[in-house]
Amino acid sequence: MSDPTGADRASAKDFFLYLAKTAALYFVAFTFTALMFNFVDLAFADKNYRDYYDKWTINTIRLLLSGIIVVFPIFLGLSWLVERDLSRNPQLFEMKTRKWTAGLTLLLAGATLAGDLVYLLYNYLKGELGTVYVLKSLTILVVAGILYGYFLWEGRRKVSPGPGMPFALTASGVMLVSVIAGFYLVGSLGYERNRYFDETRLYDLSRIEVYILDYWQVKRALPATVEEVDVTLGYVKDPETATPYEYRKLSPTSFELCANFKTHGEGETMRGTNARKYKPGKNCFTTGVK
């Protein structure tokens, strides 16, 4: 009969617990690497595409920060549960799942390290070893190297506790610094909320403008109120205060739209005309039939 208290006792819970821990670690490592890449892009973006990079990269950073904030604590919790089970039943060190995941990670990390070194050498020989290439390659080297060292140590140890606690503390510190840096780069929560509302306000005004100009194309006259154009425009209101936007007819062919903004910014209209700049307070945009 097999020993019910030894490695044969590794249950489905043990299998899925270790598998989930490894999957969470993979996710955190990938997300952290992508976050560092975006930090580099934000710092060294091509000046000709600066506005595009800033907007795209900051939105990506928000998504990556969300992933780290949610999944990294889950990884720590799973690591604690795995470590607890290993201390209670040391024969779980022989669990096949543990050996397979460690071996697979060593293989992937080793291949990544080798591939990254080849990539670095290739770009060096091409004369294109710029700052962005170097920093991104170093990020891959560091992350893959840490994973390789951790799983090499983890796969060889036979007692608990192992490198889990020092690794967890170091990783927690790195993640904390990364999250703080990310929040600093994307702005405070209050500012981001106001910026989102301002972008919505600008979009709403642009939408109203399009409806009014289309109305003029048919009627050859500007409306007295936006409700004359489309009754649904009467429901287009400030996203924060729910107050109607101001519309005023200035002449038979010109009008202005007004809203109260909270931040500084600019954005294009729906018709692709010149960017409209706004600042905190009431801003009015004059437009008309051309």
C-alpha atoms as a PDB file:
ATOM      1  CA  MET A   1       0.000   0.000   0.000  1.00  0.00           C
ATOM      2  CA  SER A   2       1.194   3.507  -0.715  1.00  0.00           C
ATOM      3  CA  ASP A   3       1.969   5.900   2.078  1.00  0.00           C
ATOM      4  CA  PRO A   4      -1.108   8.117   2.567  1.00  0.00           C
ATOM      5  CA  THR A   5       0.952  10.769   4.322  1.00  0.00           C
ATOM      6  CA  GLY A   6       3.759  11.159   1.796  1.00  0.00           C
ATOM      7  CA  ALA A   7       4.059  12.548  -1.684  1.00  0.00           C
ATOM      8  CA  ASP A   8       1.220  10.238  -2.773  1.00  0.00           C
ATOM      9  CA  ARG A   9      -1.061  12.359  -0.627  1.00  0.00           C
ATOM     10  CA  ALA A  10      -0.629  15.375  -2.933  1.00  0.00           C
ATOM     11  CA  SER A  11      -4.230  16.230  -3.616  1.00  0.00           C
ATOM     12  CA  ALA A  12      -5.987  18.161  -6.330  1.00  0.00           C
ATOM     13  CA  LYS A  13      -5.864  21.130  -3.941  1.00  0.00           C
ATOM     14  CA  ASP A  14      -2.066  20.937  -3.770  1.00  0.00           C
ATOM     15  CA  PHE A  15      -1.845  20.634  -7.541  1.00  0.00           C
ATOM     16  CA  PHE A  16      -4.053  23.617  -8.320  1.00  0.00           C
ATOM     17  CA  LEU A  17      -2.626  25.717  -5.472  1.00  0.00           C
ATOM     18  CA  TYR A  18       0.928  25.421  -6.790  1.00  0.00           C
ATOM     19  CA  LEU A  19      -0.251  25.838 -10.376  1.00  0.00           C
ATOM     20  CA  ALA A  20      -2.186  28.991  -9.453  1.00  0.00           C
ATOM     21  CA  LYS A  21       0.811  30.394  -7.588  1.00  0.00           C
ATOM     22  CA  THR A  22       3.042  29.852 -10.615  1.00  0.00           C
ATOM     23  CA  ALA A  23       0.472  31.346 -12.985  1.00  0.00           C
ATOM     24  CA  ALA A  24       0.140  34.406 -10.738  1.00  0.00           C
ATOM     25  CA  LEU A  25       3.935  34.787 -10.689  1.00  0.00           C
ATOM     26  CA  TYR A  26       4.076  34.580 -14.481  1.00  0.00           C
ATOM     27  CA  PHE A  27       1.353  37.216 -14.747  1.00  0.00           C
ATOM     28  CA  VAL A  28       3.080  39.581 -12.324  1.00  0.00           C
ATOM     29  CA  ALA A  29       6.441  39.138 -14.075  1.00  0.00           C
ATOM     30  CA  PHE A  30       4.919  39.811 -17.501  1.00  0.00           C
ATOM     31  CA  THR A  31       2.898  42.799 -16.246  1.00  0.00           C
ATOM     32  CA  PHE A  32       5.876  44.287 -14.418  1.00  0.00           C
ATOM     33  CA  THR A  33       8.031  43.937 -17.538  1.00  0.00           C
ATOM     34  CA  ALA A  34       5.364  45.622 -19.660  1.00  0.00           C
ATOM     35  CA  LEU A  35       5.061  48.384 -17.049  1.00  0.00           C
ATOM     36  CA  MET A  36       8.801  49.044 -17.204  1.00  0.00           C
ATOM     37  CA  PHE A  37       8.616  49.116 -21.006  1.00  0.00           C
ATOM     38  CA  ASN A  38       5.922  51.779 -20.824  1.00  0.00           C
ATOM     39  CA  PHE A  39       7.948  53.800 -18.329  1.00  0.00           C
ATOM     40  CA  VAL A  40      10.786  53.766 -20.873  1.00  0.00           C
ATOM     41  CA  ASP A  41       8.437  54.736 -23.715  1.00  0.00           C
ATOM     42  CA  LEU A  42       7.053  57.609 -21.675  1.00  0.00           C
ATOM     43  CA  ALA A  43      10.530  58.891 -20.845  1.00  0.00           C
ATOM     44  CA  PHE A  44      12.146  58.476 -24.274  1.00  0.00           C
ATOM     45  CA  ALA A  45       9.265  58.766 -26.763  1.00  0.00           C
ATOM     46  CA  ASP A  46       9.996  60.262 -30.163  1.00  0.00           C
ATOM     47  CA  LYS A  47       9.244  63.998 -29.985  1.00  0.00           C
ATOM     48  CA  ASN A  48       7.320  63.800 -33.261  1.00  0.00           C
ATOM     49  CA  TYR A  49       4.886  61.344 -31.679  1.00  0.00           C
ATOM     50  CA  ARG A  50       4.998  62.641 -28.121  1.00  0.00           C
ATOM     51  CA  ASP A  51       1.286  63.387 -27.733  1.00  0.00           C
ATOM     52  CA  TYR A  52       0.310  59.998 -29.125  1.00  0.00           C
ATOM     53  CA  TYR A  53       2.803  58.140 -26.933  1.00  0.00           C
ATOM     54  CA  ASP A  54       1.791  60.036 -23.810  1.00  0.00           C
ATOM     55  CA  LYS A  55      -1.920  59.317 -24.161  1.00  0.00           C
ATOM     56  CA  TRP A  56      -1.527  55.705 -25.269  1.00  0.00           C
ATOM     57  CA  THR A  57       1.223  54.888 -22.774  1.00  0.00           C
ATOM     58  CA  ILE A  58      -0.509  56.457 -19.791  1.00  0.00           C
ATOM     59  CA  ASN A  59      -3.690  54.496 -20.519  1.00  0.00           C
ATOM     60  CA  THR A  60      -1.623  51.309 -20.795  1.00  0.00           C
ATOM     61  CA  ILE A  61       0.130  52.097 -17.504  1.00  0.00           C
ATOM     62  CA  ARG A  62      -3.269  52.428 -15.809  1.00  0.00           C
ATOM     63  CA  LEU A  63      -4.238  48.959 -17.025  1.00  0.00           C
ATOM     64  CA  LEU A  64      -0.932  47.398 -15.973  1.00  0.00           C
ATOM     65  CA  LEU A  65      -1.069  49.037 -12.530  1.00  0.00           C
ATOM     66  CA  SER A  66      -4.555  47.620 -12.048  1.00  0.00           C
ATOM     67  CA  GLY A  67      -3.280  44.147 -12.885  1.00  0.00           C
ATOM     68  CA  ILE A  68      -0.358  44.376 -10.456  1.00  0.00           C
ATOM     69  CA  ILE A  69      -2.472  45.816  -7.623  1.00  0.00           C
ATOM     70  CA  VAL A  70      -4.986  42.977  -7.946  1.00  0.00           C
ATOM     71  CA  VAL A  71      -2.830  39.959  -8.811  1.00  0.00           C
ATOM     72  CA  PHE A  72       0.341  40.554  -6.782  1.00  0.00           C
ATOM     73  CA  PRO A  73      -1.431  40.262  -3.377  1.00  0.00           C
ATOM     74  CA  ILE A  74      -3.070  37.085  -4.695  1.00  0.00           C
ATOM     75  CA  PHE A  75       0.394  35.734  -5.531  1.00  0.00           C
ATOM     76  CA  LEU A  76       1.607  36.532  -2.002  1.00  0.00           C
ATOM     77  CA  GLY A  77      -1.421  34.817  -0.482  1.00  0.00           C
ATOM     78  CA  LEU A  78      -0.963  31.721  -2.630  1.00  0.00           C
ATOM     79  CA  SER A  79       2.759  31.654  -1.793  1.00  0.00           C
ATOM     80  CA  TRP A  80       1.943  31.731   1.923  1.00  0.00           C
ATOM     81  CA  LEU A  81      -0.532  28.835   1.531  1.00  0.00           C
ATOM     82  CA  VAL A  82       1.991  26.770  -0.446  1.00  0.00           C
ATOM     83  CA  GLU A  83       4.717  27.459   2.118  1.00  0.00           C
ATOM     84  CA  ARG A  84       2.406  26.494   4.952  1.00  0.00           C
ATOM     85  CA  ASP A  85       1.549  23.163   3.305  1.00  0.00           C
ATOM     86  CA  LEU A  86       5.231  22.439   2.611  1.00  0.00           C
ATOM     87  CA  SER A  87       6.137  23.057   6.257  1.00  0.00           C
ATOM     88  CA  ARG A  88       3.362  20.704   7.391  1.00  0.00           C
ATOM     89  CA  ASN A  89       4.142  18.013   4.855  1.00  0.00           C
ATOM     90  CA  PRO A  90       7.784  18.195   3.622  1.00  0.00           C
ATOM     91  CA  GLN A  91       7.177  15.288   1.252  1.00  0.00           C
ATOM     92  CA  LEU A  92       5.196  17.676  -0.933  1.00  0.00           C
ATOM     93  CA  PHE A  93       8.618  18.927  -2.071  1.00  0.00           C
ATOM     94  CA  GLU A  94       8.606  15.837  -4.300  1.00  0.00           C
ATOM     95  CA  MET A  95       5.295  16.757  -5.911  1.00  0.00           C
ATOM     96  CA  LYS A  96       5.577  16.373  -9.671  1.00  0.00           C
ATOM     97  CA  THR A  97       3.706  19.619 -10.378  1.00  0.00           C
ATOM     98  CA  ARG A  98       6.294  21.536  -8.381  1.00  0.00           C
ATOM     99  CA  LYS A  99       9.161  19.984 -10.321  1.00  0.00           C
ATOM    100  CA  TRP A 100       7.486  20.451 -13.698  1.00  0.00           C
ATOM    101  CA  THR A 101       6.682  24.120 -13.186  1.00  0.00           C
ATOM    102  CA  ALA A 102      10.189  24.786 -11.892  1.00  0.00           C
ATOM    103  CA  GLY A 103      11.740  23.007 -14.860  1.00  0.00           C
ATOM    104  CA  LEU A 104       9.482  24.760 -17.368  1.00  0.00           C
ATOM    105  CA  THR A 105      10.243  28.159 -15.858  1.00  0.00           C
ATOM    106  CA  LEU A 106      13.971  27.502 -15.924  1.00  0.00           C
ATOM    107  CA  LEU A 107      13.678  26.543 -19.587  1.00  0.00           C
ATOM    108  CA  LEU A 108      11.621  29.622 -20.499  1.00  0.00           C
ATOM    109  CA  ALA A 109      13.752  31.998 -18.437  1.00  0.00           C
ATOM    110  CA  GLY A 110      16.963  30.563 -19.875  1.00  0.00           C
ATOM    111  CA  ALA A 111      15.628  30.859 -23.426  1.00  0.00           C
ATOM    112  CA  THR A 112      14.505  34.434 -22.746  1.00  0.00           C
ATOM    113  CA  LEU A 113      17.920  35.383 -21.370  1.00  0.00           C
ATOM    114  CA  ALA A 114      19.684  33.870 -24.376  1.00  0.00           C
ATOM    115  CA  GLY A 115      17.275  35.488 -26.831  1.00  0.00           C
ATOM    116  CA  ASP A 116      17.623  38.871 -25.173  1.00  0.00           C
ATOM    117  CA  LEU A 117      21.406  38.709 -25.331  1.00  0.00           C
ATOM    118  CA  VAL A 118      21.202  37.798 -29.027  1.00  0.00           C
ATOM    119  CA  TYR A 119      18.835  40.741 -29.586  1.00  0.00           C
ATOM    120  CA  LEU A 120      21.201  43.117 -27.808  1.00  0.00           C
ATOM    121  CA  LEU A 121      24.201  41.897 -29.812  1.00  0.00           C
ATOM    122  CA  TYR A 122      22.252  42.076 -33.078  1.00  0.00           C
ATOM    123  CA  ASN A 123      21.244  45.703 -32.510  1.00  0.00           C
ATOM    124  CA  TYR A 124      24.759  46.575 -31.404  1.00  0.00           C
ATOM    125  CA  LEU A 125      26.202  45.197 -34.631  1.00  0.00           C
ATOM    126  CA  LYS A 126      23.576  47.174 -36.593  1.00  0.00           C
ATOM    127  CA  GLY A 127      24.587  50.330 -34.766  1.00  0.00           C
ATOM    128  CA  GLU A 128      21.085  50.792 -33.339  1.00  0.00           C
ATOM    129  CA  LEU A 129      21.802  50.186 -29.675  1.00  0.00           C
ATOM    130  CA  GLY A 130      19.908  53.225 -28.415  1.00  0.00           C
ATOM    131  CA  THR A 131      18.737  54.019 -24.898  1.00  0.00           C
ATOM    132  CA  VAL A 132      15.301  52.471 -25.391  1.00  0.00           C
ATOM    133  CA  TYR A 133      16.774  49.196 -26.682  1.00  0.00           C
ATOM    134  CA  VAL A 134      19.238  48.988 -23.806  1.00  0.00           C
ATOM    135  CA  LEU A 135      16.748  49.766 -21.035  1.00  0.00           C
ATOM    136  CA  LYS A 136      14.125  47.346 -22.326  1.00  0.00           C
ATOM    137  CA  SER A 137      16.706  44.606 -22.801  1.00  0.00           C
ATOM    138  CA  LEU A 138      18.072  45.180 -19.305  1.00  0.00           C
ATOM    139  CA  THR A 139      14.536  44.902 -17.940  1.00  0.00           C
ATOM    140  CA  ILE A 140      14.103  41.516 -19.601  1.00  0.00           C
ATOM    141  CA  LEU A 141      17.503  40.376 -18.384  1.00  0.00           C
ATOM    142  CA  VAL A 142      16.749  41.355 -14.783  1.00  0.00           C
ATOM    143  CA  VAL A 143      13.241  39.866 -14.665  1.00  0.00           C
ATOM    144  CA  ALA A 144      14.186  36.634 -16.443  1.00  0.00           C
ATOM    145  CA  GLY A 145      17.359  36.363 -14.340  1.00  0.00           C
ATOM    146  CA  ILE A 146      15.404  36.734 -11.083  1.00  0.00           C
ATOM    147  CA  LEU A 147      12.866  34.125 -12.174  1.00  0.00           C
ATOM    148  CA  TYR A 148      15.651  31.761 -13.215  1.00  0.00           C
ATOM    149  CA  GLY A 149      17.498  32.159  -9.912  1.00  0.00           C
ATOM    150  CA  TYR A 150      14.336  31.864  -7.832  1.00  0.00           C
ATOM    151  CA  PHE A 151      13.088  28.669  -9.448  1.00  0.00           C
ATOM    152  CA  LEU A 152      16.596  27.168  -9.484  1.00  0.00           C
ATOM    153  CA  TRP A 153      16.783  27.739  -5.727  1.00  0.00           C
ATOM    154  CA  GLU A 154      13.167  26.715  -5.237  1.00  0.00           C
ATOM    155  CA  GLY A 155      13.623  23.488  -7.180  1.00  0.00           C
ATOM    156  CA  ARG A 156      16.662  22.414  -5.141  1.00  0.00           C
ATOM    157  CA  ARG A 157      15.481  23.153  -1.617  1.00  0.00           C
ATOM    158  CA  LYS A 158      14.129  20.364   0.548  1.00  0.00           C
ATOM    159  CA  VAL A 159      13.151  22.249   3.687  1.00  0.00           C
ATOM    160  CA  SER A 160      10.760  25.043   4.575  1.00  0.00           C
ATOM    161  CA  PRO A 161      11.054  27.976   4.816  1.00  0.00           C
ATOM    162  CA  GLY A 162      13.081  28.574   1.698  1.00  0.00           C
ATOM    163  CA  PRO A 163      13.685  31.719  -0.350  1.00  0.00           C
ATOM    164  CA  GLY A 164       9.982  32.542  -0.262  1.00  0.00           C
ATOM    165  CA  MET A 165      10.038  35.199   2.463  1.00  0.00           C
ATOM    166  CA  PRO A 166      13.097  37.171   1.261  1.00  0.00           C
ATOM    167  CA  PHE A 167      11.790  36.951  -2.302  1.00  0.00           C
ATOM    168  CA  ALA A 168       8.325  38.090  -1.245  1.00  0.00           C
ATOM    169  CA  LEU A 169       9.683  41.040   0.743  1.00  0.00           C
ATOM    170  CA  THR A 170      12.003  42.123  -2.071  1.00  0.00           C
ATOM    171  CA  ALA A 171       9.295  41.716  -4.699  1.00  0.00           C
ATOM    172  CA  SER A 172       6.809  43.626  -2.526  1.00  0.00           C
ATOM    173  CA  GLY A 173       9.244  46.520  -2.224  1.00  0.00           C
ATOM    174  CA  VAL A 174       9.869  46.608  -5.964  1.00  0.00           C
ATOM    175  CA  MET A 175       6.154  46.439  -6.747  1.00  0.00           C
ATOM    176  CA  LEU A 176       5.375  49.173  -4.235  1.00  0.00           C
ATOM    177  CA  VAL A 177       7.946  51.502  -5.774  1.00  0.00           C
ATOM    178  CA  SER A 178       6.634  50.680  -9.266  1.00  0.00           C
ATOM    179  CA  VAL A 179       3.032  51.375  -8.277  1.00  0.00           C
ATOM    180  CA  ILE A 180       3.981  54.675  -6.628  1.00  0.00           C
ATOM    181  CA  ALA A 181       5.950  55.673  -9.731  1.00  0.00           C
ATOM    182  CA  GLY A 182       3.029  54.667 -11.923  1.00  0.00           C
ATOM    183  CA  PHE A 183       0.548  56.739  -9.948  1.00  0.00           C
ATOM    184  CA  TYR A 184       2.936  59.665 -10.066  1.00  0.00           C
ATOM    185  CA  LEU A 185       3.208  59.415 -13.847  1.00  0.00           C
ATOM    186  CA  VAL A 186      -0.506  59.038 -14.589  1.00  0.00           C
ATOM    187  CA  GLY A 187      -1.521  61.663 -12.027  1.00  0.00           C
ATOM    188  CA  SER A 188      -3.579  61.641  -8.880  1.00  0.00           C
ATOM    189  CA  LEU A 189      -6.947  59.919  -8.825  1.00  0.00           C
ATOM    190  CA  GLY A 190      -8.758  63.241  -8.391  1.00  0.00           C
ATOM    191  CA  TYR A 191      -6.930  64.828 -11.301  1.00  0.00           C
ATOM    192  CA  GLU A 192      -7.574  61.826 -13.541  1.00  0.00           C
ATOM    193  CA  ARG A 193     -11.271  61.925 -12.683  1.00  0.00           C
ATOM    194  CA  ASN A 194     -11.439  65.618 -13.598  1.00  0.00           C
ATOM    195  CA  ARG A 195      -9.463  65.030 -16.792  1.00  0.00           C
ATOM    196  CA  TYR A 196     -11.855  62.266 -17.807  1.00  0.00           C
ATOM    197  CA  PHE A 197     -14.843  64.549 -17.224  1.00  0.00           C
ATOM    198  CA  ASP A 198     -13.194  67.312 -19.264  1.00  0.00           C
ATOM    199  CA  GLU A 199     -12.577  64.978 -22.177  1.00  0.00           C
ATOM    200  CA  THR A 200     -16.233  63.958 -22.004  1.00  0.00           C
ATOM    201  CA  ARG A 201     -17.301  67.623 -21.974  1.00  0.00           C
ATOM    202  CA  LEU A 202     -15.222  68.376 -25.052  1.00  0.00           C
ATOM    203  CA  TYR A 203     -16.652  65.348 -26.836  1.00  0.00           C
ATOM    204  CA  ASP A 204     -20.210  66.396 -25.931  1.00  0.00           C
ATOM    205  CA  LEU A 205     -19.677  69.920 -27.268  1.00  0.00           C
ATOM    206  CA  SER A 206     -18.211  68.517 -30.458  1.00  0.00           C
ATOM    207  CA  ARG A 207     -21.181  66.209 -30.836  1.00  0.00           C
ATOM    208  CA  ILE A 208     -23.633  69.084 -30.370  1.00  0.00           C
ATOM    209  CA  GLU A 209     -21.693  71.143 -32.907  1.00  0.00           C
ATOM    210  CA  VAL A 210     -21.970  68.409 -35.523  1.00  0.00           C
ATOM    211  CA  TYR A 211     -25.727  68.159 -35.036  1.00  0.00           C
ATOM    212  CA  ILE A 212     -26.163  71.936 -35.301  1.00  0.00           C
ATOM    213  CA  LEU A 213     -24.089  72.196 -38.497  1.00  0.00           C
ATOM    214  CA  ASP A 214     -25.988  69.289 -40.041  1.00  0.00           C
ATOM    215  CA  TYR A 215     -29.214  71.072 -39.084  1.00  0.00           C
ATOM    216  CA  TRP A 216     -28.021  74.207 -40.911  1.00  0.00           C
ATOM    217  CA  GLN A 217     -27.267  72.178 -44.032  1.00  0.00           C
ATOM    218  CA  VAL A 218     -30.936  71.181 -44.174  1.00  0.00           C
ATOM    219  CA  LYS A 219     -32.697  74.285 -42.813  1.00  0.00           C
ATOM    220  CA  ARG A 220     -30.210  76.939 -43.898  1.00  0.00           C
ATOM    221  CA  ALA A 221     -30.647  78.509 -40.473  1.00  0.00           C
ATOM    222  CA  LEU A 222     -29.252  77.975 -36.999  1.00  0.00           C
ATOM    223  CA  PRO A 223     -31.596  76.700 -34.293  1.00  0.00           C
ATOM    224  CA  ALA A 224     -32.734  78.838 -31.378  1.00  0.00           C
ATOM    225  CA  THR A 225     -32.100  75.941 -28.979  1.00  0.00           C
ATOM    226  CA  VAL A 226     -30.349  72.586 -29.276  1.00  0.00           C
ATOM    227  CA  GLU A 227     -33.669  70.819 -28.714  1.00  0.00           C
ATOM    228  CA  GLU A 228     -34.792  72.110 -32.099  1.00  0.00           C
ATOM    229  CA  VAL A 229     -32.002  70.109 -33.706  1.00  0.00           C
ATOM    230  CA  ASP A 230     -32.637  66.842 -31.930  1.00  0.00           C
ATOM    231  CA  VAL A 231     -34.670  66.293 -28.797  1.00  0.00           C
ATOM    232  CA  THR A 232     -31.998  63.897 -27.489  1.00  0.00           C
ATOM    233  CA  LEU A 233     -29.491  66.745 -27.341  1.00  0.00           C
ATOM    234  CA  GLY A 234     -31.503  68.160 -24.477  1.00  0.00           C
ATOM    235  CA  TYR A 235     -30.311  65.189 -22.463  1.00  0.00           C
ATOM    236  CA  VAL A 236     -26.645  65.794 -23.264  1.00  0.00           C
ATOM    237  CA  LYS A 237     -25.496  67.398 -20.027  1.00  0.00           C
ATOM    238  CA  ASP A 238     -22.364  67.943 -17.998  1.00  0.00           C
ATOM    239  CA  PRO A 239     -21.174  64.464 -16.859  1.00  0.00           C
ATOM    240  CA  GLU A 240     -20.414  65.673 -13.336  1.00  0.00           C
ATOM    241  CA  THR A 241     -23.038  68.301 -12.498  1.00  0.00           C
ATOM    242  CA  ALA A 242     -25.798  67.206 -14.913  1.00  0.00           C
ATOM    243  CA  THR A 243     -26.345  70.838 -15.954  1.00  0.00           C
ATOM    244  CA  PRO A 244     -27.084  71.616 -19.633  1.00  0.00           C
ATOM    245  CA  TYR A 245     -24.317  72.974 -21.812  1.00  0.00           C
ATOM    246  CA  GLU A 246     -24.707  76.566 -22.947  1.00  0.00           C
ATOM    247  CA  TYR A 247     -25.623  77.252 -26.557  1.00  0.00           C
ATOM    248  CA  ARG A 248     -25.896  80.800 -27.886  1.00  0.00           C
ATOM    249  CA  LYS A 249     -26.617  81.966 -31.424  1.00  0.00           C
ATOM    250  CA  LEU A 250     -24.270  84.839 -32.277  1.00  0.00           C
ATOM    251  CA  SER A 251     -25.286  85.534 -35.884  1.00  0.00           C
ATOM    252  CA  PRO A 252     -27.186  83.831 -38.680  1.00  0.00           C
ATOM    253  CA  THR A 253     -24.120  81.683 -39.346  1.00  0.00           C
ATOM    254  CA  SER A 254     -22.175  81.517 -36.081  1.00  0.00           C
ATOM    255  CA  PHE A 255     -22.753  80.275 -32.547  1.00  0.00           C
ATOM    256  CA  GLU A 256     -20.871  79.353 -29.393  1.00  0.00           C
ATOM    257  CA  LEU A 257     -20.951  76.411 -27.016  1.00  0.00           C
ATOM    258  CA  CYS A 258     -19.820  76.721 -23.398  1.00  0.00           C
ATOM    259  CA  ALA A 259     -18.919  74.372 -20.550  1.00  0.00           C
ATOM    260  CA  ASN A 260     -17.108  74.514 -17.220  1.00  0.00           C
ATOM    261  CA  PHE A 261     -13.812  72.619 -17.235  1.00  0.00           C
ATOM    262  CA  LYS A 262     -11.602  71.517 -14.347  1.00  0.00           C
ATOM    263  CA  THR A 263      -8.191  71.023 -15.962  1.00  0.00           C
ATOM    264  CA  HIS A 264      -5.945  72.318 -18.730  1.00  0.00           C
ATOM    265  CA  GLY A 265      -6.073  70.421 -21.986  1.00  0.00           C
ATOM    266  CA  GLU A 266      -6.953  70.334 -25.648  1.00  0.00           C
ATOM    267  CA  GLY A 267      -8.640  68.043 -28.111  1.00  0.00           C
ATOM    268  CA  GLU A 268      -9.808  67.882 -31.717  1.00  0.00           C
ATOM    269  CA  THR A 269     -13.427  68.302 -32.768  1.00  0.00           C
ATOM    270  CA  MET A 270     -15.368  65.478 -34.368  1.00  0.00           C
ATOM    271  CA  ARG A 271     -14.932  67.192 -37.743  1.00  0.00           C
ATOM    272  CA  GLY A 272     -11.146  67.195 -37.348  1.00  0.00           C
ATOM    273  CA  THR A 273     -10.742  70.953 -37.168  1.00  0.00           C
ATOM    274  CA  ASN A 274      -8.072  72.697 -35.136  1.00  0.00           C
ATOM    275  CA  ALA A 275      -7.546  71.469 -31.597  1.00  0.00           C
ATOM    276  CA  ARG A 276      -9.517  73.324 -28.943  1.00  0.00           C
ATOM    277  CA  LYS A 277      -7.650  74.349 -25.851  1.00  0.00           C
ATOM    278  CA  TYR A 278      -9.361  74.786 -22.521  1.00  0.00           C
ATOM    279  CA  LYS A 279      -8.440  75.780 -18.986  1.00  0.00           C
ATOM    280  CA  PRO A 280     -10.107  75.526 -15.568  1.00  0.00           C
ATOM    281  CA  GLY A 281     -13.343  77.509 -15.464  1.00  0.00           C
ATOM    282  CA  LYS A 282     -15.918  78.448 -18.067  1.00  0.00           C
ATOM    283  CA  ASN A 283     -14.737  78.022 -21.653  1.00  0.00           C
ATOM    284  CA  CYS A 284     -16.715  79.049 -24.738  1.00  0.00           C
ATOM    285  CA  PHE A 285     -15.929  77.876 -28.259  1.00  0.00           C
ATOM    286  CA  THR A 286     -17.132  79.918 -31.184  1.00  0.00           C
ATOM    287  CA  THR A 287     -17.824  78.184 -34.476  1.00  0.00           C
ATOM    288  CA  GLY A 288     -20.186  78.435 -37.391  1.00  0.00           C
ATOM    289  CA  VAL A 289     -20.974  77.684 -40.980  1.00  0.00           C
ATOM    290  CA  LYS A 290     -18.062  77.941 -43.385  1.00  0.00           C
END
